Every structure is written in C-alpha cells, then in structure tokens.
Amino acid sequence: MWSNGSVAVSSTVNSSAGSAGATTTYIVRPGDTLWGYASQVTPRGGDIRQTVSELIELNDLETASLTAGQSIVVPVR
C-alpha cells in the first residue's frame, strides 16, 4: 500500500525473491504517480528526483507519466 498524496492506495503485487535489489510489480491505479510513490520510499533527507529517475530507468519509461492498469517494477524498501 502506498499513498498518492492524502489518499492511501492498495496495490496488486508480485514480489521477486532475493536479497538487495528485490523488486515488486505494482499495478498502477487512477491517480497514482511516480512522484507520489517516490515520496513514500525516499529516505528522509534523500532526493525524490533521484528516486523518480531510478524508477524511470528501472521500468524503461520515457517520462514519469503513468497510466491506470500499467504494471511497473518498484524496489522493495
């Protein structure tokens, strides 16, 4: 579950087993954004822009725009 602002959103996930670098597949829901997700998982004092860039690279996206129903891979933190 993660929040896209003030509303908590639950997701459908499939976890990849493993150590560091473990990921989860997240099914995007209406209103979800990479920025919203990044703001939830970026450590305090961290740079949200860096997290967004990592998510874009991890998912081979051209932009930070998401579409409801789209699957994205996100790191487990």
N, C-alpha and C. Protein backbone atom coordinates (compact mmCIF):
# COMPACT_ATOMS: atom_id res chain seq x y z
N MET A 1 0.85 -1.16 0.00
CA MET A 1 0.00 0.00 0.00
C MET A 1 0.90 1.23 0.00
N TRP A 2 0.54 2.22 -0.78
CA TRP A 2 1.26 3.49 -0.76
C TRP A 2 0.31 4.61 -1.02
N SER A 3 0.73 5.80 -0.72
CA SER A 3 -0.14 6.95 -0.80
C SER A 3 0.23 7.84 -1.97
N ASN A 4 -0.77 8.34 -2.67
CA ASN A 4 -0.53 9.27 -3.76
C ASN A 4 -1.00 10.66 -3.33
N GLY A 5 -0.47 11.12 -2.25
CA GLY A 5 -0.92 12.38 -1.69
C GLY A 5 -1.58 12.11 -0.37
N SER A 6 -2.86 12.40 -0.26
CA SER A 6 -3.54 12.19 1.00
C SER A 6 -4.38 10.93 1.02
N VAL A 7 -4.43 10.20 -0.09
CA VAL A 7 -5.27 9.01 -0.17
C VAL A 7 -4.39 7.77 -0.24
N ALA A 8 -4.59 6.83 0.66
CA ALA A 8 -3.83 5.59 0.62
C ALA A 8 -4.40 4.68 -0.45
N VAL A 9 -3.52 4.03 -1.19
CA VAL A 9 -3.93 3.18 -2.30
C VAL A 9 -3.32 1.81 -2.11
N SER A 10 -4.11 0.76 -2.18
CA SER A 10 -3.54 -0.58 -2.12
C SER A 10 -3.28 -1.06 -3.53
N SER A 11 -2.40 -2.02 -3.64
CA SER A 11 -1.98 -2.47 -4.96
C SER A 11 -2.03 -3.97 -5.07
N THR A 12 -1.91 -4.44 -6.30
CA THR A 12 -1.71 -5.85 -6.57
C THR A 12 -0.22 -6.00 -6.81
N VAL A 13 0.42 -6.88 -6.05
CA VAL A 13 1.87 -7.00 -6.17
C VAL A 13 2.29 -8.44 -6.31
N ASN A 14 3.43 -8.60 -6.94
CA ASN A 14 4.12 -9.88 -7.03
C ASN A 14 5.56 -9.58 -6.63
N SER A 15 6.05 -10.20 -5.56
CA SER A 15 7.39 -9.93 -5.09
C SER A 15 8.39 -10.86 -5.74
N SER A 16 9.57 -10.32 -6.05
CA SER A 16 10.68 -11.13 -6.52
C SER A 16 11.52 -11.48 -5.31
N ALA A 17 11.79 -12.77 -5.14
CA ALA A 17 12.61 -13.19 -4.02
C ALA A 17 14.04 -12.78 -4.27
N GLY A 18 14.77 -12.58 -3.21
CA GLY A 18 16.17 -12.23 -3.37
C GLY A 18 16.62 -11.30 -2.27
N SER A 19 17.88 -10.93 -2.37
CA SER A 19 18.46 -10.05 -1.37
C SER A 19 18.34 -8.62 -1.82
N ALA A 20 19.41 -7.87 -1.70
CA ALA A 20 19.40 -6.47 -2.12
C ALA A 20 18.98 -6.40 -3.57
N GLY A 21 18.18 -5.43 -3.90
CA GLY A 21 17.70 -5.31 -5.26
C GLY A 21 16.37 -6.01 -5.48
N ALA A 22 15.73 -6.48 -4.42
CA ALA A 22 14.43 -7.13 -4.56
C ALA A 22 13.42 -6.10 -5.08
N THR A 23 12.53 -6.57 -5.93
CA THR A 23 11.52 -5.69 -6.52
C THR A 23 10.13 -6.28 -6.37
N THR A 24 9.15 -5.43 -6.58
CA THR A 24 7.75 -5.81 -6.57
C THR A 24 7.10 -5.22 -7.81
N THR A 25 6.16 -5.96 -8.41
CA THR A 25 5.40 -5.43 -9.53
C THR A 25 4.16 -4.76 -8.98
N TYR A 26 3.97 -3.51 -9.34
CA TYR A 26 2.85 -2.71 -8.86
C TYR A 26 1.91 -2.41 -10.03
N ILE A 27 0.62 -2.60 -9.84
CA ILE A 27 -0.38 -2.27 -10.86
C ILE A 27 -0.88 -0.86 -10.56
N VAL A 28 -0.63 0.05 -11.48
CA VAL A 28 -0.96 1.47 -11.31
C VAL A 28 -2.48 1.65 -11.24
N ARG A 29 -2.91 2.46 -10.29
CA ARG A 29 -4.32 2.79 -10.13
C ARG A 29 -4.54 4.24 -10.52
N PRO A 30 -5.78 4.62 -10.81
CA PRO A 30 -6.05 6.02 -11.16
C PRO A 30 -5.52 6.98 -10.09
N GLY A 31 -4.82 8.00 -10.53
CA GLY A 31 -4.28 9.00 -9.61
C GLY A 31 -2.87 8.72 -9.12
N ASP A 32 -2.37 7.50 -9.33
CA ASP A 32 -1.01 7.18 -8.91
C ASP A 32 0.01 7.92 -9.76
N THR A 33 1.11 8.32 -9.14
CA THR A 33 2.21 8.96 -9.86
C THR A 33 3.53 8.40 -9.37
N LEU A 34 4.55 8.47 -10.22
CA LEU A 34 5.89 8.08 -9.78
C LEU A 34 6.36 8.99 -8.65
N TRP A 35 6.03 10.27 -8.75
CA TRP A 35 6.42 11.23 -7.71
C TRP A 35 5.77 10.86 -6.38
N GLY A 36 4.52 10.45 -6.40
CA GLY A 36 3.84 10.05 -5.18
C GLY A 36 4.48 8.83 -4.55
N TYR A 37 4.80 7.84 -5.38
CA TYR A 37 5.46 6.65 -4.88
C TYR A 37 6.84 7.01 -4.34
N ALA A 38 7.59 7.78 -5.13
CA ALA A 38 8.95 8.15 -4.73
C ALA A 38 8.95 8.90 -3.40
N SER A 39 7.96 9.74 -3.18
CA SER A 39 7.90 10.49 -1.93
C SER A 39 7.68 9.57 -0.73
N GLN A 40 7.08 8.42 -0.96
CA GLN A 40 6.83 7.46 0.11
C GLN A 40 8.05 6.61 0.44
N VAL A 41 8.91 6.35 -0.55
CA VAL A 41 10.02 5.42 -0.34
C VAL A 41 11.39 6.08 -0.25
N THR A 42 11.48 7.36 -0.58
CA THR A 42 12.76 8.05 -0.49
C THR A 42 13.10 8.28 0.98
N PRO A 43 14.30 7.87 1.40
CA PRO A 43 14.68 8.08 2.80
C PRO A 43 14.68 9.56 3.17
N ARG A 44 14.41 9.85 4.41
CA ARG A 44 14.42 11.24 4.90
C ARG A 44 15.75 11.88 4.53
N GLY A 45 15.67 13.05 3.95
CA GLY A 45 16.87 13.76 3.52
C GLY A 45 17.34 13.36 2.14
N GLY A 46 16.70 12.31 1.57
CA GLY A 46 17.06 11.86 0.23
C GLY A 46 16.44 12.75 -0.84
N ASP A 47 16.86 12.56 -2.06
CA ASP A 47 16.39 13.36 -3.19
C ASP A 47 15.31 12.59 -3.94
N ILE A 48 14.06 13.06 -3.85
CA ILE A 48 12.94 12.40 -4.53
C ILE A 48 13.20 12.34 -6.03
N ARG A 49 13.84 13.38 -6.58
CA ARG A 49 14.13 13.39 -8.02
C ARG A 49 15.00 12.20 -8.41
N GLN A 50 15.95 11.83 -7.56
CA GLN A 50 16.81 10.68 -7.84
C GLN A 50 15.98 9.40 -7.83
N THR A 51 15.07 9.27 -6.88
CA THR A 51 14.22 8.08 -6.82
C THR A 51 13.34 7.99 -8.07
N VAL A 52 12.77 9.11 -8.50
CA VAL A 52 11.95 9.11 -9.72
C VAL A 52 12.81 8.69 -10.91
N SER A 53 14.03 9.22 -11.01
CA SER A 53 14.93 8.84 -12.11
C SER A 53 15.23 7.35 -12.09
N GLU A 54 15.44 6.79 -10.90
CA GLU A 54 15.70 5.35 -10.77
C GLU A 54 14.48 4.54 -11.21
N LEU A 55 13.28 4.98 -10.85
CA LEU A 55 12.07 4.28 -11.26
C LEU A 55 11.88 4.34 -12.77
N ILE A 56 12.16 5.49 -13.36
CA ILE A 56 12.06 5.63 -14.82
C ILE A 56 13.03 4.67 -15.50
N GLU A 57 14.27 4.62 -15.00
CA GLU A 57 15.27 3.73 -15.58
C GLU A 57 14.90 2.26 -15.37
N LEU A 58 14.49 1.91 -14.17
CA LEU A 58 14.13 0.53 -13.84
C LEU A 58 13.02 0.00 -14.74
N ASN A 59 12.09 0.89 -15.12
CA ASN A 59 10.94 0.49 -15.93
C ASN A 59 11.07 0.85 -17.40
N ASP A 60 12.22 1.37 -17.79
CA ASP A 60 12.47 1.76 -19.19
C ASP A 60 11.37 2.68 -19.70
N LEU A 61 11.03 3.69 -18.88
CA LEU A 61 9.99 4.65 -19.23
C LEU A 61 10.62 5.86 -19.92
N GLU A 62 9.90 6.49 -20.81
CA GLU A 62 10.38 7.71 -21.46
C GLU A 62 10.09 8.93 -20.60
N THR A 63 9.02 8.89 -19.82
CA THR A 63 8.64 10.00 -18.94
C THR A 63 8.16 9.43 -17.60
N ALA A 64 7.84 10.32 -16.68
CA ALA A 64 7.34 9.89 -15.37
C ALA A 64 5.83 9.68 -15.38
N SER A 65 5.19 9.81 -16.53
CA SER A 65 3.74 9.64 -16.62
C SER A 65 3.36 8.16 -16.52
N LEU A 66 2.30 7.89 -15.78
CA LEU A 66 1.78 6.53 -15.63
C LEU A 66 0.34 6.49 -16.09
N THR A 67 -0.11 5.28 -16.46
CA THR A 67 -1.48 5.04 -16.89
C THR A 67 -2.10 3.98 -15.99
N ALA A 68 -3.33 4.20 -15.55
CA ALA A 68 -4.02 3.20 -14.73
C ALA A 68 -4.01 1.86 -15.44
N GLY A 69 -3.69 0.80 -14.70
CA GLY A 69 -3.62 -0.55 -15.26
C GLY A 69 -2.22 -0.95 -15.69
N GLN A 70 -1.34 0.02 -15.81
CA GLN A 70 0.05 -0.23 -16.21
C GLN A 70 0.77 -0.96 -15.07
N SER A 71 1.66 -1.88 -15.42
CA SER A 71 2.50 -2.56 -14.42
C SER A 71 3.84 -1.86 -14.37
N ILE A 72 4.31 -1.57 -13.18
CA ILE A 72 5.66 -1.04 -13.02
C ILE A 72 6.38 -1.86 -11.97
N VAL A 73 7.68 -1.91 -12.09
CA VAL A 73 8.53 -2.60 -11.13
C VAL A 73 9.05 -1.54 -10.16
N VAL A 74 8.91 -1.82 -8.88
CA VAL A 74 9.39 -0.89 -7.86
C VAL A 74 10.27 -1.65 -6.87
N PRO A 75 11.31 -0.99 -6.37
CA PRO A 75 12.17 -1.65 -5.38
C PRO A 75 11.44 -1.84 -4.06
N VAL A 76 11.75 -2.93 -3.38
CA VAL A 76 11.22 -3.18 -2.05
C VAL A 76 12.13 -2.46 -1.07
N ARG A 77 11.57 -1.54 -0.29
CA ARG A 77 12.39 -0.77 0.67
C ARG A 77 11.78 -0.84 2.03
